[in-house]
């Protein structure tokens, strides 16, 4: 499958192609007007880039993607250990990106809950931050349904661009050759060769 840099190029290229198409649809058939169409386009394309660069399907293995989370790379370790690489759970077109969003929310909420619980055991009273997070997020989603839909669409398209690229490289060479496109680079050992330097990371 393509390496992280290639996937980044694909994410940016598909995001650039998505922008005028999205704007034309929002300002055309939906007749939202220039300002609303521009805002919707920015939300969709922004979520597309975020999904492809930081919430990539390749978070299911030790790769350059979780490197991008810096010292917070460890929050993706349980996700990585639980999911087989390039499986339905991580590389499906619709379910997988939504699973990563739900997982990330669960981790953040769990950390806040643990912090509140620990301080309570020490006799320090603090607000229920995990409850406040849930209430704030639910309120924002209910107040901004159009933005929520735009973000979800962009998040799914960013992941889809990655998954389709993997499919084309690993299973689609014959299909591409019909159109005269030949992939000569060998990606078979990509998963085995990723960032062996990370054995020493943060030691």
Protein backbone atom coordinates (compact mmCIF):
# COMPACT_ATOMS: atom_id res chain seq x y z
CA UNK A 1 0.00 0.00 0.00
CA UNK A 2 1.16 3.61 -0.42
CA UNK A 3 3.35 5.09 2.32
CA UNK A 4 2.30 7.98 4.55
CA UNK A 5 3.78 10.66 2.27
CA UNK A 6 1.93 9.29 -0.75
CA UNK A 7 -1.30 9.16 1.23
CA UNK A 8 -0.75 12.79 2.28
CA UNK A 9 -0.43 13.80 -1.37
CA UNK A 10 -3.61 11.87 -2.17
CA UNK A 11 -5.44 13.51 0.73
CA UNK A 12 -4.43 17.02 -0.32
CA UNK A 13 -5.14 16.36 -4.01
CA UNK A 14 -8.58 14.91 -3.35
CA UNK A 15 -9.32 17.73 -0.93
CA UNK A 16 -8.39 20.27 -3.61
CA UNK A 17 -10.64 18.49 -6.10
CA UNK A 18 -13.44 18.26 -3.55
CA UNK A 19 -13.49 22.00 -2.82
CA UNK A 20 -14.88 23.33 -6.13
CA UNK A 21 -17.26 20.38 -6.49
CA UNK A 22 -18.66 20.94 -3.01
CA UNK A 23 -19.00 24.69 -3.48
CA UNK A 24 -20.72 24.24 -6.85
CA UNK A 25 -23.21 21.81 -5.35
CA UNK A 26 -23.94 23.90 -2.26
CA UNK A 27 -24.31 27.14 -4.20
CA UNK A 28 -26.02 25.44 -7.15
CA UNK A 29 -28.66 22.74 -6.54
CA UNK A 30 -28.98 23.52 -2.83
CA UNK A 31 -28.98 27.31 -3.42
CA UNK A 32 -27.45 28.13 -0.04
CA UNK A 33 -25.87 31.36 -1.17
CA UNK A 34 -22.21 32.30 -1.41
CA UNK A 35 -21.44 32.67 2.31
CA UNK A 36 -23.14 29.45 3.38
CA UNK A 37 -21.69 27.51 0.45
CA UNK A 38 -18.20 28.78 1.25
CA UNK A 39 -18.58 27.88 4.94
CA UNK A 40 -19.88 24.40 4.11
CA UNK A 41 -17.02 23.85 1.69
CA UNK A 42 -14.45 24.87 4.29
CA UNK A 43 -15.95 22.53 6.88
CA UNK A 44 -16.03 19.57 4.50
CA UNK A 45 -12.56 20.09 3.07
CA UNK A 46 -11.08 20.83 6.50
CA UNK A 47 -12.55 17.63 7.93
CA UNK A 48 -11.35 15.74 4.84
CA UNK A 49 -7.76 16.89 5.45
CA UNK A 50 -7.95 16.26 9.19
CA UNK A 51 -9.27 12.75 8.60
CA UNK A 52 -6.58 11.87 6.07
CA UNK A 53 -3.63 13.37 7.91
CA UNK A 54 -4.30 12.84 11.64
CA UNK A 55 -7.11 10.25 11.76
CA UNK A 56 -5.83 8.05 8.96
CA UNK A 57 -6.93 4.41 8.66
CA UNK A 58 -3.25 3.54 9.24
CA UNK A 59 -3.63 4.34 12.93
CA UNK A 60 -4.19 0.60 13.18
CA UNK A 61 -0.44 0.04 12.92
CA UNK A 62 2.78 1.60 14.21
CA UNK A 63 3.40 4.15 11.47
CA UNK A 64 4.17 7.76 10.67
CA UNK A 65 0.54 8.64 11.39
CA UNK A 66 0.60 8.14 15.14
CA UNK A 67 4.01 9.90 15.14
CA UNK A 68 2.07 13.04 14.27
CA UNK A 69 0.32 12.92 17.62
CA UNK A 70 3.66 13.56 19.35
CA UNK A 71 3.67 12.57 23.01
CA UNK A 72 -0.01 11.67 22.71
CA UNK A 73 0.74 8.79 20.31
CA UNK A 74 -0.01 6.33 23.12
CA UNK A 75 -3.75 7.08 23.04
CA UNK A 76 -3.93 5.10 19.80
CA UNK A 77 -2.13 2.04 21.19
CA UNK A 78 -5.30 0.22 22.37
CA UNK A 79 -6.92 0.95 19.00
CA UNK A 80 -3.85 -0.42 17.24
CA UNK A 81 -3.68 -3.56 19.37
CA UNK A 82 -7.39 -4.30 19.04
CA UNK A 83 -7.77 -3.97 15.27
CA UNK A 84 -6.16 -6.13 12.58
CA UNK A 85 -4.44 -3.99 9.97
CA UNK A 86 -6.44 -3.22 6.82
CA UNK A 87 -9.50 -4.90 8.28
CA UNK A 88 -13.13 -3.80 7.98
CA UNK A 89 -12.92 -2.16 11.42
CA UNK A 90 -10.16 0.23 10.32
CA UNK A 91 -10.45 0.48 6.53
CA UNK A 92 -14.16 0.33 5.71
CA UNK A 93 -15.50 3.33 3.85
CA UNK A 94 -18.13 4.53 6.31
CA UNK A 95 -17.93 2.66 9.60
CA UNK A 96 -14.17 2.94 10.21
CA UNK A 97 -13.81 6.77 10.21
CA UNK A 98 -16.83 7.11 12.50
CA UNK A 99 -15.32 4.46 14.79
CA UNK A 100 -12.11 6.50 15.07
CA UNK A 101 -14.10 9.60 16.01
CA UNK A 102 -16.03 7.66 18.64
CA UNK A 103 -12.83 6.09 19.96
CA UNK A 104 -11.11 9.47 20.25
CA UNK A 105 -14.08 10.92 22.12
CA UNK A 106 -14.14 7.91 24.44
CA UNK A 107 -10.44 8.31 25.23
CA UNK A 108 -10.74 12.04 25.97
CA UNK A 109 -13.84 11.48 28.08
CA UNK A 110 -12.18 8.59 29.91
CA UNK A 111 -9.11 10.67 30.70
CA UNK A 112 -11.25 13.49 32.08
CA UNK A 113 -13.25 11.03 34.18
CA UNK A 114 -10.04 9.47 35.54
CA UNK A 115 -8.67 12.91 36.42
CA UNK A 116 -11.84 13.89 38.25
CA UNK A 117 -11.96 10.54 40.08
CA UNK A 118 -8.32 10.77 41.14
CA UNK A 119 -8.69 14.31 42.48
CA UNK A 120 -11.84 13.28 44.34
CA UNK A 121 -9.89 10.48 46.05
CA UNK A 122 -7.37 13.12 47.15
CA UNK A 123 -10.13 15.31 48.56
CA UNK A 124 -10.03 17.89 45.77
CA UNK A 125 -13.45 18.79 44.43
CA UNK A 126 -13.50 19.71 40.75
CA UNK A 127 -16.32 19.92 38.18
CA UNK A 128 -17.37 16.79 36.32
CA UNK A 129 -15.39 17.69 33.23
CA UNK A 130 -16.39 14.54 31.35
CA UNK A 131 -20.06 15.38 31.91
CA UNK A 132 -19.49 18.98 30.84
CA UNK A 133 -17.73 17.75 27.72
CA UNK A 134 -20.67 15.52 26.83
CA UNK A 135 -23.24 18.26 27.48
CA UNK A 136 -21.25 20.87 25.53
CA UNK A 137 -20.71 18.55 22.59
CA UNK A 138 -24.34 17.45 22.50
CA UNK A 139 -25.52 21.05 22.69
CA UNK A 140 -23.18 22.14 19.91
CA UNK A 141 -24.21 19.26 17.65
CA UNK A 142 -27.90 19.99 18.20
CA UNK A 143 -27.40 23.70 17.54
CA UNK A 144 -25.30 23.14 14.40
CA UNK A 145 -26.76 20.19 12.47
CA UNK A 146 -25.56 21.48 9.09
CA UNK A 147 -21.98 21.89 10.27
CA UNK A 148 -22.12 18.49 11.96
CA UNK A 149 -23.22 16.86 8.71
CA UNK A 150 -20.52 18.70 6.75
CA UNK A 151 -17.80 17.58 9.17
CA UNK A 152 -18.98 13.96 9.07
CA UNK A 153 -19.07 13.99 5.27
CA UNK A 154 -15.56 15.42 5.08
CA UNK A 155 -14.27 13.01 7.69
CA UNK A 156 -15.63 10.06 5.71
CA UNK A 157 -14.28 11.29 2.36
CA UNK A 158 -10.79 11.78 3.84
CA UNK A 159 -10.74 8.20 5.06
CA UNK A 160 -12.29 6.92 1.83
CA UNK A 161 -9.52 8.48 -0.26
CA UNK A 162 -6.97 6.53 1.81
CA UNK A 163 -8.85 3.23 1.64
CA UNK A 164 -9.48 3.43 -2.09
CA UNK A 165 -5.80 4.21 -2.70
CA UNK A 166 -4.84 1.11 -0.72
CA UNK A 167 -7.28 -0.96 -2.71
CA UNK A 168 -6.04 0.36 -6.06
CA UNK A 169 -2.43 -0.36 -5.20
CA UNK A 170 -2.89 -3.78 -3.66
CA UNK A 171 -5.76 -5.12 -5.78
CA UNK A 172 -6.28 -2.72 -8.65
CA UNK A 173 -3.11 -2.95 -10.75
CA UNK A 174 -4.85 -4.89 -13.50
CA UNK A 175 -7.75 -2.46 -13.47
CA UNK A 176 -5.40 0.52 -13.80
CA UNK A 177 -3.44 -1.15 -16.58
CA UNK A 178 -6.62 -1.07 -18.70
CA UNK A 179 -6.24 2.73 -18.75
CA UNK A 180 -2.49 2.57 -19.38
CA UNK A 181 -1.52 3.31 -15.76
CA UNK A 182 1.21 1.00 -14.49
CA UNK A 183 2.36 0.91 -10.86
CA UNK A 184 5.93 -0.34 -10.74
CA UNK A 185 6.81 0.46 -7.14
CA UNK A 186 6.64 -2.52 -4.78
CA UNK A 187 4.60 -1.72 -1.67
CA UNK A 188 4.38 -5.27 -0.33
CA UNK A 189 6.85 -4.72 2.51
CA UNK A 190 5.51 -1.30 3.46
CA UNK A 191 4.05 -2.43 6.76
CA UNK A 192 7.27 -4.18 7.82
CA UNK A 193 9.59 -1.28 7.01
CA UNK A 194 7.71 1.58 8.71
CA UNK A 195 9.77 3.72 11.04
CA UNK A 196 11.97 1.20 12.80
CA UNK A 197 13.60 4.20 14.45
CA UNK A 198 10.54 4.37 16.69
CA UNK A 199 11.93 1.53 18.78
CA UNK A 200 13.88 4.26 20.55
CA UNK A 201 11.14 6.89 20.53
CA UNK A 202 10.60 8.80 23.74
CA UNK A 203 12.99 6.45 25.56
